[in-house]
């Protein structure tokens, strides 16, 4: 190997190591997010649990990001919701569970979340769908990394890591609360919208391997909205957006999908094919396609990087794949028999 090739290899390894460190530092500072944020509603706002047409919903999302730069994000989300009526005034309660797994960087920075959720939907009308929902979510989070894959300047001096890390893992309790409002548009249950706000990490959990009490996880505000309306008997549009703020960071993502019903009956189509695009401001353009084959939905999206890292990533960001199941249960008080129900 020539001197020129050796220098080039060292520079490339340095750039990869730096990118890996930046990604790990990013994971310390900000929450995990998905481009298919609409397929992980509890991560947006716990009061969005249960806002669907059905009794039960299960959603899974897998994300693989930044492999064009280094061994980075591999993230999986699984959430389940069970909705049931309570009382005699068209009120509902939804219980749910959010499980999240994330692994990033050369040192295998790993986060595992197990977060039960509870949401109460208060009916505001006896004639049409108008619901105010208050949701809570909280549980255990564990973080860890592989010390054997960690590199510091001190190691080149033969003095070890030079870091006083006694434990490569720690855990904490985390909590979120949210409020949302959803309603029909012009008395048409197929045209509806929702708006909501959520406050995550309200207990400000400690976020340090050194267990420094002064290092806390910043609370995060998330403001969400969605709108669905028909553009004909066999087509409709769905618009969704989120804006979040956490410490010095903020993120805005939004977009639209056009849904085309295929089959002889527009009320019960054989398939629905969706296509659209989302934008994460100053970061990525996200084309997405979705197929509904009742009771399942499949969604595929890809991040086209437009941020300052575009020269390093060659425009490649990451792909996401999701699977969703929404169904009705064989019970006396199934929402399939309800004239009113929180939905979107």
C-alpha atoms as a PDB file:
ATOM      1  CA  UNK A   1       0.000   0.000   0.000  1.00  0.00           C
ATOM      2  CA  UNK A   2       1.400   3.389  -1.020  1.00  0.00           C
ATOM      3  CA  UNK A   3       1.686   6.334   1.380  1.00  0.00           C
ATOM      4  CA  UNK A   4      -1.098   8.121  -0.505  1.00  0.00           C
ATOM      5  CA  UNK A   5      -3.429   5.113  -0.149  1.00  0.00           C
ATOM      6  CA  UNK A   6      -2.551   4.794   3.547  1.00  0.00           C
ATOM      7  CA  UNK A   7      -3.371   8.462   4.227  1.00  0.00           C
ATOM      8  CA  UNK A   8      -6.628   8.124   2.265  1.00  0.00           C
ATOM      9  CA  UNK A   9      -7.614   5.055   4.293  1.00  0.00           C
ATOM     10  CA  UNK A  10      -6.834   6.797   7.597  1.00  0.00           C
ATOM     11  CA  UNK A  11      -8.888   9.842   6.561  1.00  0.00           C
ATOM     12  CA  UNK A  12     -11.827   7.642   5.555  1.00  0.00           C
ATOM     13  CA  UNK A  13     -11.708   5.731   8.870  1.00  0.00           C
ATOM     14  CA  UNK A  14     -11.562   9.039  10.763  1.00  0.00           C
ATOM     15  CA  UNK A  15     -14.594  10.378   8.919  1.00  0.00           C
ATOM     16  CA  UNK A  16     -16.567   7.206   9.635  1.00  0.00           C
ATOM     17  CA  UNK A  17     -15.605   7.320  13.310  1.00  0.00           C
ATOM     18  CA  UNK A  18     -16.585  10.998  13.525  1.00  0.00           C
ATOM     19  CA  UNK A  19     -19.939  10.331  11.870  1.00  0.00           C
ATOM     20  CA  UNK A  20     -20.571   7.472  14.282  1.00  0.00           C
ATOM     21  CA  UNK A  21     -19.785   9.716  17.262  1.00  0.00           C
ATOM     22  CA  UNK A  22     -22.082  12.432  15.939  1.00  0.00           C
ATOM     23  CA  UNK A  23     -24.909   9.945  15.576  1.00  0.00           C
ATOM     24  CA  UNK A  24     -24.381   8.646  19.118  1.00  0.00           C
ATOM     25  CA  UNK A  25     -24.304  12.185  20.503  1.00  0.00           C
ATOM     26  CA  UNK A  26     -27.493  12.914  18.576  1.00  0.00           C
ATOM     27  CA  UNK A  27     -29.168   9.924  20.196  1.00  0.00           C
ATOM     28  CA  UNK A  28     -28.179  11.280  23.625  1.00  0.00           C
ATOM     29  CA  UNK A  29     -29.771  14.640  22.836  1.00  0.00           C
ATOM     30  CA  UNK A  30     -32.955  13.834  20.947  1.00  0.00           C
ATOM     31  CA  UNK A  31     -35.714  11.266  21.042  1.00  0.00           C
ATOM     32  CA  UNK A  32     -36.043   8.499  18.488  1.00  0.00           C
ATOM     33  CA  UNK A  33     -38.233   9.459  15.566  1.00  0.00           C
ATOM     34  CA  UNK A  34     -39.791   7.804  12.512  1.00  0.00           C
ATOM     35  CA  UNK A  35     -40.524   9.137   9.061  1.00  0.00           C
ATOM     36  CA  UNK A  36     -43.731   7.084   9.231  1.00  0.00           C
ATOM     37  CA  UNK A  37     -44.706   8.940  12.389  1.00  0.00           C
ATOM     38  CA  UNK A  38     -48.368   8.259  11.553  1.00  0.00           C
ATOM     39  CA  UNK A  39     -47.704   4.526  12.126  1.00  0.00           C
ATOM     40  CA  UNK A  40     -46.434   5.129  15.683  1.00  0.00           C
ATOM     41  CA  UNK A  41     -49.230   7.273  17.225  1.00  0.00           C
ATOM     42  CA  UNK A  42     -48.338   6.673  20.898  1.00  0.00           C
ATOM     43  CA  UNK A  43     -44.860   8.104  20.323  1.00  0.00           C
ATOM     44  CA  UNK A  44     -46.514  11.252  18.980  1.00  0.00           C
ATOM     45  CA  UNK A  45     -49.136  11.640  21.679  1.00  0.00           C
ATOM     46  CA  UNK A  46     -50.625   9.059  24.087  1.00  0.00           C
ATOM     47  CA  UNK A  47     -54.060  10.647  23.562  1.00  0.00           C
ATOM     48  CA  UNK A  48     -53.976   9.445  19.929  1.00  0.00           C
ATOM     49  CA  UNK A  49     -54.341   5.853  21.157  1.00  0.00           C
ATOM     50  CA  UNK A  50     -57.681   4.438  20.068  1.00  0.00           C
ATOM     51  CA  UNK A  51     -58.445   7.015  17.375  1.00  0.00           C
ATOM     52  CA  UNK A  52     -59.149   4.534  14.588  1.00  0.00           C
ATOM     53  CA  UNK A  53     -62.121   2.607  13.177  1.00  0.00           C
ATOM     54  CA  UNK A  54     -61.988  -0.688  15.053  1.00  0.00           C
ATOM     55  CA  UNK A  55     -61.654  -2.350  18.464  1.00  0.00           C
ATOM     56  CA  UNK A  56     -57.998  -3.331  18.285  1.00  0.00           C
ATOM     57  CA  UNK A  57     -54.935  -2.034  16.461  1.00  0.00           C
ATOM     58  CA  UNK A  58     -51.388  -3.409  16.275  1.00  0.00           C
ATOM     59  CA  UNK A  59     -48.615  -1.547  14.434  1.00  0.00           C
ATOM     60  CA  UNK A  60     -44.975  -2.413  13.799  1.00  0.00           C
ATOM     61  CA  UNK A  61     -42.361  -0.131  12.198  1.00  0.00           C
ATOM     62  CA  UNK A  62     -38.746  -0.940  11.288  1.00  0.00           C
ATOM     63  CA  UNK A  63     -36.219   1.743  10.335  1.00  0.00           C
ATOM     64  CA  UNK A  64     -32.698   1.322   8.938  1.00  0.00           C
ATOM     65  CA  UNK A  65     -30.808   4.607   8.537  1.00  0.00           C
ATOM     66  CA  UNK A  66     -27.381   5.967   7.585  1.00  0.00           C
ATOM     67  CA  UNK A  67     -25.727   2.677   6.582  1.00  0.00           C
ATOM     68  CA  UNK A  68     -24.199   4.596   3.680  1.00  0.00           C
ATOM     69  CA  UNK A  69     -22.085   6.456   6.263  1.00  0.00           C
ATOM     70  CA  UNK A  70     -21.526   4.058   9.149  1.00  0.00           C
ATOM     71  CA  UNK A  71     -23.158   1.371  11.283  1.00  0.00           C
ATOM     72  CA  UNK A  72     -25.893   3.571  12.646  1.00  0.00           C
ATOM     73  CA  UNK A  73     -29.606   3.531  13.364  1.00  0.00           C
ATOM     74  CA  UNK A  74     -31.619   0.297  13.453  1.00  0.00           C
ATOM     75  CA  UNK A  75     -34.921   1.054  15.127  1.00  0.00           C
ATOM     76  CA  UNK A  76     -38.051  -0.972  15.746  1.00  0.00           C
ATOM     77  CA  UNK A  77     -41.415   0.078  17.193  1.00  0.00           C
ATOM     78  CA  UNK A  78     -44.345  -2.122  18.221  1.00  0.00           C
ATOM     79  CA  UNK A  79     -47.562  -0.756  19.686  1.00  0.00           C
ATOM     80  CA  UNK A  80     -50.923  -2.299  20.468  1.00  0.00           C
ATOM     81  CA  UNK A  81     -54.251  -0.700  21.443  1.00  0.00           C
ATOM     82  CA  UNK A  82     -57.560  -2.055  22.726  1.00  0.00           C
ATOM     83  CA  UNK A  83     -60.593   0.265  22.699  1.00  0.00           C
ATOM     84  CA  UNK A  84     -63.798  -0.331  24.656  1.00  0.00           C
ATOM     85  CA  UNK A  85     -66.927   1.711  25.464  1.00  0.00           C
ATOM     86  CA  UNK A  86     -67.606   2.839  29.031  1.00  0.00           C
ATOM     87  CA  UNK A  87     -70.736   4.328  30.600  1.00  0.00           C
ATOM     88  CA  UNK A  88     -73.834   5.337  28.642  1.00  0.00           C
ATOM     89  CA  UNK A  89     -72.704   8.559  26.998  1.00  0.00           C
ATOM     90  CA  UNK A  90     -70.658   7.200  24.054  1.00  0.00           C
ATOM     91  CA  UNK A  91     -67.406   7.498  26.029  1.00  0.00           C
ATOM     92  CA  UNK A  92     -64.518   5.109  25.395  1.00  0.00           C
ATOM     93  CA  UNK A  93     -61.314   3.978  27.088  1.00  0.00           C
ATOM     94  CA  UNK A  94     -58.228   2.732  25.260  1.00  0.00           C
ATOM     95  CA  UNK A  95     -55.444   0.740  26.891  1.00  0.00           C
ATOM     96  CA  UNK A  96     -52.205   0.269  25.001  1.00  0.00           C
ATOM     97  CA  UNK A  97     -48.544  -0.645  25.064  1.00  0.00           C
ATOM     98  CA  UNK A  98     -45.595   0.945  23.261  1.00  0.00           C
ATOM     99  CA  UNK A  99     -42.368  -1.061  22.876  1.00  0.00           C
ATOM    100  CA  UNK A 100     -39.341   0.555  21.243  1.00  0.00           C
ATOM    101  CA  UNK A 101     -35.866  -0.747  20.382  1.00  0.00           C
ATOM    102  CA  UNK A 102     -33.006   1.325  18.973  1.00  0.00           C
ATOM    103  CA  UNK A 103     -29.369   0.452  18.277  1.00  0.00           C
ATOM    104  CA  UNK A 104     -26.893   2.950  16.830  1.00  0.00           C
ATOM    105  CA  UNK A 105     -23.213   3.556  16.238  1.00  0.00           C
ATOM    106  CA  UNK A 106     -19.999   1.584  16.496  1.00  0.00           C
ATOM    107  CA  UNK A 107     -20.318   1.203  20.271  1.00  0.00           C
ATOM    108  CA  UNK A 108     -23.782  -0.368  19.967  1.00  0.00           C
ATOM    109  CA  UNK A 109     -25.646   2.413  21.780  1.00  0.00           C
ATOM    110  CA  UNK A 110     -28.944   0.658  22.616  1.00  0.00           C
ATOM    111  CA  UNK A 111     -32.250   1.875  24.035  1.00  0.00           C
ATOM    112  CA  UNK A 112     -35.202  -0.326  25.015  1.00  0.00           C
ATOM    113  CA  UNK A 113     -38.554   1.204  26.030  1.00  0.00           C
ATOM    114  CA  UNK A 114     -41.613  -0.552  27.519  1.00  0.00           C
ATOM    115  CA  UNK A 115     -44.398   1.995  28.004  1.00  0.00           C
ATOM    116  CA  UNK A 116     -48.019   1.119  28.938  1.00  0.00           C
ATOM    117  CA  UNK A 117     -50.642   3.716  27.945  1.00  0.00           C
ATOM    118  CA  UNK A 118     -54.161   4.703  29.002  1.00  0.00           C
ATOM    119  CA  UNK A 119     -56.465   7.067  27.124  1.00  0.00           C
ATOM    120  CA  UNK A 120     -59.977   8.319  27.979  1.00  0.00           C
ATOM    121  CA  UNK A 121     -62.202   9.596  25.142  1.00  0.00           C
ATOM    122  CA  UNK A 122     -64.958  11.952  26.281  1.00  0.00           C
ATOM    123  CA  UNK A 123     -67.883  12.359  23.852  1.00  0.00           C
ATOM    124  CA  UNK A 124     -68.804  16.017  23.313  1.00  0.00           C
ATOM    125  CA  UNK A 125     -71.896  15.365  21.211  1.00  0.00           C
ATOM    126  CA  UNK A 126     -74.729  12.825  21.104  1.00  0.00           C
ATOM    127  CA  UNK A 127     -75.299  13.363  17.359  1.00  0.00           C
ATOM    128  CA  UNK A 128     -71.847  13.242  15.722  1.00  0.00           C
ATOM    129  CA  UNK A 129     -68.258  12.209  16.352  1.00  0.00           C
ATOM    130  CA  UNK A 130     -66.704  14.855  18.577  1.00  0.00           C
ATOM    131  CA  UNK A 131     -64.233  13.597  21.146  1.00  0.00           C
ATOM    132  CA  UNK A 132     -61.800  15.117  23.603  1.00  0.00           C
ATOM    133  CA  UNK A 133     -59.141  12.581  24.633  1.00  0.00           C
ATOM    134  CA  UNK A 134     -56.723  12.655  27.562  1.00  0.00           C
ATOM    135  CA  UNK A 135     -53.922  10.088  27.528  1.00  0.00           C
ATOM    136  CA  UNK A 136     -51.044   9.024  29.756  1.00  0.00           C
ATOM    137  CA  UNK A 137     -48.070   6.811  28.952  1.00  0.00           C
ATOM    138  CA  UNK A 138     -45.196   5.778  31.194  1.00  0.00           C
ATOM    139  CA  UNK A 139     -42.857   2.930  31.944  1.00  0.00           C
ATOM    140  CA  UNK A 140     -39.284   1.692  31.978  1.00  0.00           C
ATOM    141  CA  UNK A 141     -36.417   2.701  29.685  1.00  0.00           C
ATOM    142  CA  UNK A 142     -33.016   0.988  29.612  1.00  0.00           C
ATOM    143  CA  UNK A 143     -29.902   2.315  27.879  1.00  0.00           C
ATOM    144  CA  UNK A 144     -26.606   0.507  27.312  1.00  0.00           C
ATOM    145  CA  UNK A 145     -23.498   0.355  25.121  1.00  0.00           C
ATOM    146  CA  UNK A 146     -20.537  -1.959  24.475  1.00  0.00           C
ATOM    147  CA  UNK A 147     -17.487  -0.656  26.364  1.00  0.00           C
ATOM    148  CA  UNK A 148     -15.172  -3.008  24.440  1.00  0.00           C
ATOM    149  CA  UNK A 149     -15.949  -1.119  21.211  1.00  0.00           C
ATOM    150  CA  UNK A 150     -15.322   2.321  22.711  1.00  0.00           C
ATOM    151  CA  UNK A 151     -12.245   4.312  21.633  1.00  0.00           C
ATOM    152  CA  UNK A 152     -10.769   7.366  23.400  1.00  0.00           C
ATOM    153  CA  UNK A 153      -7.580   9.429  23.093  1.00  0.00           C
ATOM    154  CA  UNK A 154      -6.268   7.981  26.356  1.00  0.00           C
ATOM    155  CA  UNK A 155      -6.002   4.522  24.804  1.00  0.00           C
ATOM    156  CA  UNK A 156      -3.338   5.755  22.404  1.00  0.00           C
ATOM    157  CA  UNK A 157      -1.294   6.856  25.440  1.00  0.00           C
ATOM    158  CA  UNK A 158      -1.598   3.425  27.039  1.00  0.00           C
ATOM    159  CA  UNK A 159      -3.647   4.687  30.011  1.00  0.00           C
ATOM    160  CA  UNK A 160      -6.916   2.877  29.281  1.00  0.00           C
ATOM    161  CA  UNK A 161     -10.207   4.535  28.439  1.00  0.00           C
ATOM    162  CA  UNK A 162      -9.607   7.495  30.681  1.00  0.00           C
ATOM    163  CA  UNK A 163     -13.328   7.566  31.502  1.00  0.00           C
ATOM    164  CA  UNK A 164     -14.815   6.803  34.915  1.00  0.00           C
ATOM    165  CA  UNK A 165     -17.600   4.533  33.639  1.00  0.00           C
ATOM    166  CA  UNK A 166     -18.484   1.905  36.249  1.00  0.00           C
ATOM    167  CA  UNK A 167     -21.597   0.602  34.520  1.00  0.00           C
ATOM    168  CA  UNK A 168     -22.311   0.364  30.790  1.00  0.00           C
ATOM    169  CA  UNK A 169     -26.097   0.328  31.298  1.00  0.00           C
ATOM    170  CA  UNK A 170     -28.716   2.155  33.331  1.00  0.00           C
ATOM    171  CA  UNK A 171     -32.506   2.442  33.443  1.00  0.00           C
ATOM    172  CA  UNK A 172     -35.102   5.030  34.432  1.00  0.00           C
ATOM    173  CA  UNK A 173     -38.854   5.636  34.577  1.00  0.00           C
ATOM    174  CA  UNK A 174     -40.334   7.920  31.940  1.00  0.00           C
ATOM    175  CA  UNK A 175     -43.747   9.537  31.510  1.00  0.00           C
ATOM    176  CA  UNK A 176     -45.831  11.411  28.911  1.00  0.00           C
ATOM    177  CA  UNK A 177     -49.226  13.092  28.866  1.00  0.00           C
ATOM    178  CA  UNK A 178     -51.288  14.300  25.922  1.00  0.00           C
ATOM    179  CA  UNK A 179     -54.572  15.917  24.926  1.00  0.00           C
ATOM    180  CA  UNK A 180     -56.320  15.693  21.543  1.00  0.00           C
ATOM    181  CA  UNK A 181     -59.591  16.611  19.848  1.00  0.00           C
ATOM    182  CA  UNK A 182     -61.049  14.777  16.868  1.00  0.00           C
ATOM    183  CA  UNK A 183     -64.262  15.376  14.959  1.00  0.00           C
ATOM    184  CA  UNK A 184     -66.194  14.773  11.749  1.00  0.00           C
ATOM    185  CA  UNK A 185     -66.309  17.429   9.061  1.00  0.00           C
ATOM    186  CA  UNK A 186     -69.790  18.640   7.983  1.00  0.00           C
ATOM    187  CA  UNK A 187     -71.569  15.630   9.466  1.00  0.00           C
ATOM    188  CA  UNK A 188     -69.676  13.206   7.211  1.00  0.00           C
ATOM    189  CA  UNK A 189     -67.987  10.476   9.326  1.00  0.00           C
ATOM    190  CA  UNK A 190     -65.607   9.693   6.451  1.00  0.00           C
ATOM    191  CA  UNK A 191     -64.242  13.240   6.525  1.00  0.00           C
ATOM    192  CA  UNK A 192     -62.547  13.989   9.824  1.00  0.00           C
ATOM    193  CA  UNK A 193     -59.626  15.660  11.546  1.00  0.00           C
ATOM    194  CA  UNK A 194     -57.675  15.708  14.783  1.00  0.00           C
ATOM    195  CA  UNK A 195     -55.383  18.107  16.599  1.00  0.00           C
ATOM    196  CA  UNK A 196     -53.335  17.387  19.692  1.00  0.00           C
ATOM    197  CA  UNK A 197     -50.483  18.365  21.979  1.00  0.00           C
ATOM    198  CA  UNK A 198     -48.285  16.119  24.121  1.00  0.00           C
ATOM    199  CA  UNK A 199     -45.672  16.721  26.821  1.00  0.00           C
ATOM    200  CA  UNK A 200     -43.091  13.937  26.991  1.00  0.00           C
ATOM    201  CA  UNK A 201     -40.558  13.249  29.801  1.00  0.00           C
ATOM    202  CA  UNK A 202     -42.533  15.419  32.232  1.00  0.00           C
ATOM    203  CA  UNK A 203     -40.668  13.737  35.129  1.00  0.00           C
ATOM    204  CA  UNK A 204     -37.289  14.845  33.694  1.00  0.00           C
ATOM    205  CA  UNK A 205     -35.503  11.489  34.162  1.00  0.00           C
ATOM    206  CA  UNK A 206     -31.746  11.346  34.743  1.00  0.00           C
ATOM    207  CA  UNK A 207     -29.916  10.709  31.475  1.00  0.00           C
ATOM    208  CA  UNK A 208     -26.294   9.958  32.364  1.00  0.00           C
ATOM    209  CA  UNK A 209     -24.101   6.862  32.659  1.00  0.00           C
ATOM    210  CA  UNK A 210     -22.219   8.806  35.325  1.00  0.00           C
ATOM    211  CA  UNK A 211     -25.536   9.189  37.208  1.00  0.00           C
ATOM    212  CA  UNK A 212     -24.956  12.921  37.400  1.00  0.00           C
ATOM    213  CA  UNK A 213     -28.193  14.368  38.860  1.00  0.00           C
ATOM    214  CA  UNK A 214     -27.658  17.574  36.869  1.00  0.00           C
ATOM    215  CA  UNK A 215     -27.976  15.746  33.541  1.00  0.00           C
ATOM    216  CA  UNK A 216     -31.674  15.300  32.768  1.00  0.00           C
ATOM    217  CA  UNK A 217     -33.614  14.256  29.695  1.00  0.00           C
ATOM    218  CA  UNK A 218     -35.125  17.401  28.246  1.00  0.00           C
ATOM    219  CA  UNK A 219     -38.943  17.480  28.166  1.00  0.00           C
ATOM    220  CA  UNK A 220     -40.408  17.467  24.674  1.00  0.00           C
ATOM    221  CA  UNK A 221     -43.501  19.150  23.278  1.00  0.00           C
ATOM    222  CA  UNK A 222     -45.184  17.557  20.257  1.00  0.00           C
ATOM    223  CA  UNK A 223     -47.980  19.308  18.365  1.00  0.00           C
ATOM    224  CA  UNK A 224     -49.865  17.081  15.912  1.00  0.00           C
ATOM    225  CA  UNK A 225     -52.629  17.402  13.364  1.00  0.00           C
ATOM    226  CA  UNK A 226     -54.346  15.374  10.679  1.00  0.00           C
ATOM    227  CA  UNK A 227     -57.051  15.878   8.080  1.00  0.00           C
ATOM    228  CA  UNK A 228     -58.853  13.322   5.896  1.00  0.00           C
ATOM    229  CA  UNK A 229     -61.396  14.183   3.201  1.00  0.00           C
ATOM    230  CA  UNK A 230     -62.911  12.564   0.132  1.00  0.00           C
ATOM    231  CA  UNK A 231     -62.156  13.770  -3.408  1.00  0.00           C
ATOM    232  CA  UNK A 232     -64.686  11.444  -5.038  1.00  0.00           C
ATOM    233  CA  UNK A 233     -66.434   8.155  -4.362  1.00  0.00           C
ATOM    234  CA  UNK A 234     -63.236   6.188  -4.899  1.00  0.00           C
ATOM    235  CA  UNK A 235     -60.498   8.531  -3.656  1.00  0.00           C
ATOM    236  CA  UNK A 236     -59.528  10.592  -0.639  1.00  0.00           C
ATOM    237  CA  UNK A 237     -56.628  12.629   0.737  1.00  0.00           C
ATOM    238  CA  UNK A 238     -54.910  12.243   4.108  1.00  0.00           C
ATOM    239  CA  UNK A 239     -52.727  15.047   5.486  1.00  0.00           C
ATOM    240  CA  UNK A 240     -50.662  14.705   8.667  1.00  0.00           C
ATOM    241  CA  UNK A 241     -47.986  16.784  10.389  1.00  0.00           C
ATOM    242  CA  UNK A 242     -45.994  17.013  13.624  1.00  0.00           C
ATOM    243  CA  UNK A 243     -43.905  19.758  15.160  1.00  0.00           C
ATOM    244  CA  UNK A 244     -41.724  18.874  18.141  1.00  0.00           C
ATOM    245  CA  UNK A 245     -39.438  20.879  20.407  1.00  0.00           C
ATOM    246  CA  UNK A 246     -36.926  19.339  22.817  1.00  0.00           C
ATOM    247  CA  UNK A 247     -34.279  21.478  24.450  1.00  0.00           C
ATOM    248  CA  UNK A 248     -32.370  23.312  21.715  1.00  0.00           C
ATOM    249  CA  UNK A 249     -33.720  20.994  19.014  1.00  0.00           C
ATOM    250  CA  UNK A 250     -36.902  21.249  16.980  1.00  0.00           C
ATOM    251  CA  UNK A 251     -38.322  19.207  14.135  1.00  0.00           C
ATOM    252  CA  UNK A 252     -41.170  19.688  11.691  1.00  0.00           C
ATOM    253  CA  UNK A 253     -42.463  16.896   9.487  1.00  0.00           C
ATOM    254  CA  UNK A 254     -45.586  16.736   7.377  1.00  0.00           C
ATOM    255  CA  UNK A 255     -47.065  15.632   4.094  1.00  0.00           C
ATOM    256  CA  UNK A 256     -49.995  14.085   2.272  1.00  0.00           C
ATOM    257  CA  UNK A 257     -51.067  10.780   0.748  1.00  0.00           C
ATOM    258  CA  UNK A 258     -53.631  10.174  -1.990  1.00  0.00           C
ATOM    259  CA  UNK A 259     -55.733   7.043  -1.466  1.00  0.00           C
ATOM    260  CA  UNK A 260     -57.415   5.223  -4.370  1.00  0.00           C
ATOM    261  CA  UNK A 261     -60.073   2.583  -3.639  1.00  0.00           C
ATOM    262  CA  UNK A 262     -60.104  -0.492  -5.876  1.00  0.00           C
ATOM    263  CA  UNK A 263     -63.194  -2.699  -6.070  1.00  0.00           C
ATOM    264  CA  UNK A 264     -66.863  -2.536  -6.924  1.00  0.00           C
ATOM    265  CA  UNK A 265     -68.062  -1.067  -3.601  1.00  0.00           C
ATOM    266  CA  UNK A 266     -66.432   2.193  -2.429  1.00  0.00           C
ATOM    267  CA  UNK A 267     -67.729   1.526   1.097  1.00  0.00           C
ATOM    268  CA  UNK A 268     -65.948  -1.845   1.222  1.00  0.00           C
ATOM    269  CA  UNK A 269     -63.165  -1.765  -1.398  1.00  0.00           C
ATOM    270  CA  UNK A 270     -60.976  -4.790  -2.101  1.00  0.00           C
ATOM    271  CA  UNK A 271     -57.826  -2.674  -1.808  1.00  0.00           C
ATOM    272  CA  UNK A 272     -56.795   0.901  -1.168  1.00  0.00           C
ATOM    273  CA  UNK A 273     -53.518   2.112  -2.666  1.00  0.00           C
ATOM    274  CA  UNK A 274     -51.935   5.261  -1.211  1.00  0.00           C
ATOM    275  CA  UNK A 275     -49.041   7.314  -2.538  1.00  0.00           C
ATOM    276  CA  UNK A 276     -47.566  10.546  -1.269  1.00  0.00           C
ATOM    277  CA  UNK A 277     -44.618  12.485   0.030  1.00  0.00           C
ATOM    278  CA  UNK A 278     -43.550  13.861   3.404  1.00  0.00           C
ATOM    279  CA  UNK A 279     -40.914  16.432   4.258  1.00  0.00           C
ATOM    280  CA  UNK A 280     -38.755  16.594   7.364  1.00  0.00           C
ATOM    281  CA  UNK A 281     -37.748  20.247   7.258  1.00  0.00           C
ATOM    282  CA  UNK A 282     -34.054  20.808   6.406  1.00  0.00           C
ATOM    283  CA  UNK A 283     -33.375  17.076   6.615  1.00  0.00           C
ATOM    284  CA  UNK A 284     -35.153  14.687   4.223  1.00  0.00           C
ATOM    285  CA  UNK A 285     -37.729  14.285   1.485  1.00  0.00           C
ATOM    286  CA  UNK A 286     -39.747  11.110   2.110  1.00  0.00           C
ATOM    287  CA  UNK A 287     -41.743   9.425  -0.672  1.00  0.00           C
ATOM    288  CA  UNK A 288     -44.122   6.758   0.661  1.00  0.00           C
ATOM    289  CA  UNK A 289     -46.497   4.107  -0.693  1.00  0.00           C
ATOM    290  CA  UNK A 290     -49.134   2.211   1.270  1.00  0.00           C
ATOM    291  CA  UNK A 291     -51.434  -0.720   0.579  1.00  0.00           C
ATOM    292  CA  UNK A 292     -54.598  -1.444   2.595  1.00  0.00           C
ATOM    293  CA  UNK A 293     -55.838  -5.005   2.331  1.00  0.00           C
ATOM    294  CA  UNK A 294     -58.392  -5.222   5.106  1.00  0.00           C
ATOM    295  CA  UNK A 295     -57.573  -5.770   7.965  1.00  0.00           C
ATOM    296  CA  UNK A 296     -53.871  -5.222   7.133  1.00  0.00           C
ATOM    297  CA  UNK A 297     -51.873  -2.247   5.880  1.00  0.00           C
ATOM    298  CA  UNK A 298     -48.308  -2.203   4.510  1.00  0.00           C
ATOM    299  CA  UNK A 299     -46.288   0.996   4.138  1.00  0.00           C
ATOM    300  CA  UNK A 300     -42.848   1.558   2.612  1.00  0.00           C
ATOM    301  CA  UNK A 301     -40.972   4.857   2.692  1.00  0.00           C
ATOM    302  CA  UNK A 302     -37.457   6.093   1.974  1.00  0.00           C
ATOM    303  CA  UNK A 303     -35.607   9.159   3.246  1.00  0.00           C
ATOM    304  CA  UNK A 304     -33.837  11.138   0.527  1.00  0.00           C
ATOM    305  CA  UNK A 305     -31.305  13.155   2.481  1.00  0.00           C
ATOM    306  CA  UNK A 306     -31.284  16.911   1.743  1.00  0.00           C
ATOM    307  CA  UNK A 307     -29.396  18.043   4.851  1.00  0.00           C
ATOM    308  CA  UNK A 308     -25.778  19.233   5.159  1.00  0.00           C
ATOM    309  CA  UNK A 309     -24.713  15.573   5.353  1.00  0.00           C
ATOM    310  CA  UNK A 310     -25.857  14.998   1.770  1.00  0.00           C
ATOM    311  CA  UNK A 311     -22.268  15.009   0.335  1.00  0.00           C
ATOM    312  CA  UNK A 312     -21.271  12.236   2.765  1.00  0.00           C
ATOM    313  CA  UNK A 313     -24.471  10.200   2.439  1.00  0.00           C
ATOM    314  CA  UNK A 314     -24.804  10.698  -1.347  1.00  0.00           C
ATOM    315  CA  UNK A 315     -28.438  11.637  -0.689  1.00  0.00           C
ATOM    316  CA  UNK A 316     -29.180   8.266   0.889  1.00  0.00           C
ATOM    317  CA  UNK A 317     -30.955   8.391   4.243  1.00  0.00           C
ATOM    318  CA  UNK A 318     -32.868   5.328   5.360  1.00  0.00           C
ATOM    319  CA  UNK A 319     -35.879   3.169   4.616  1.00  0.00           C
ATOM    320  CA  UNK A 320     -38.847   2.278   6.784  1.00  0.00           C
ATOM    321  CA  UNK A 321     -41.260  -0.612   6.533  1.00  0.00           C
ATOM    322  CA  UNK A 322     -44.449  -0.868   8.597  1.00  0.00           C
ATOM    323  CA  UNK A 323     -47.257  -3.363   9.084  1.00  0.00           C
ATOM    324  CA  UNK A 324     -50.573  -2.486  10.698  1.00  0.00           C
ATOM    325  CA  UNK A 325     -53.579  -4.557  11.738  1.00  0.00           C
ATOM    326  CA  UNK A 326     -56.965  -3.055  12.647  1.00  0.00           C
ATOM    327  CA  UNK A 327     -59.872  -5.313  13.522  1.00  0.00           C
ATOM    328  CA  UNK A 328     -63.211  -5.693  15.258  1.00  0.00           C
ATOM    329  CA  UNK A 329     -63.859  -8.133  18.087  1.00  0.00           C
ATOM    330  CA  UNK A 330     -66.819 -10.463  18.450  1.00  0.00           C
ATOM    331  CA  UNK A 331     -68.374  -8.817  21.490  1.00  0.00           C
ATOM    332  CA  UNK A 332     -71.674  -7.186  22.418  1.00  0.00           C
ATOM    333  CA  UNK A 333     -70.232  -3.680  22.591  1.00  0.00           C
ATOM    334  CA  UNK A 334     -67.983  -3.758  19.538  1.00  0.00           C
ATOM    335  CA  UNK A 335     -67.364  -0.360  17.947  1.00  0.00           C
ATOM    336  CA  UNK A 336     -68.696  -1.868  14.701  1.00  0.00           C
ATOM    337  CA  UNK A 337     -72.133  -1.490  16.313  1.00  0.00           C
ATOM    338  CA  UNK A 338     -71.503   2.031  17.651  1.00  0.00           C
ATOM    339  CA  UNK A 339     -73.034   5.012  15.935  1.00  0.00           C
ATOM    340  CA  UNK A 340     -70.359   7.228  17.503  1.00  0.00           C
ATOM    341  CA  UNK A 341     -66.707   6.396  18.021  1.00  0.00           C
ATOM    342  CA  UNK A 342     -63.367   8.275  18.076  1.00  0.00           C
ATOM    343  CA  UNK A 343     -61.761   7.685  14.683  1.00  0.00           C
ATOM    344  CA  UNK A 344     -59.442   9.014  12.019  1.00  0.00           C
END
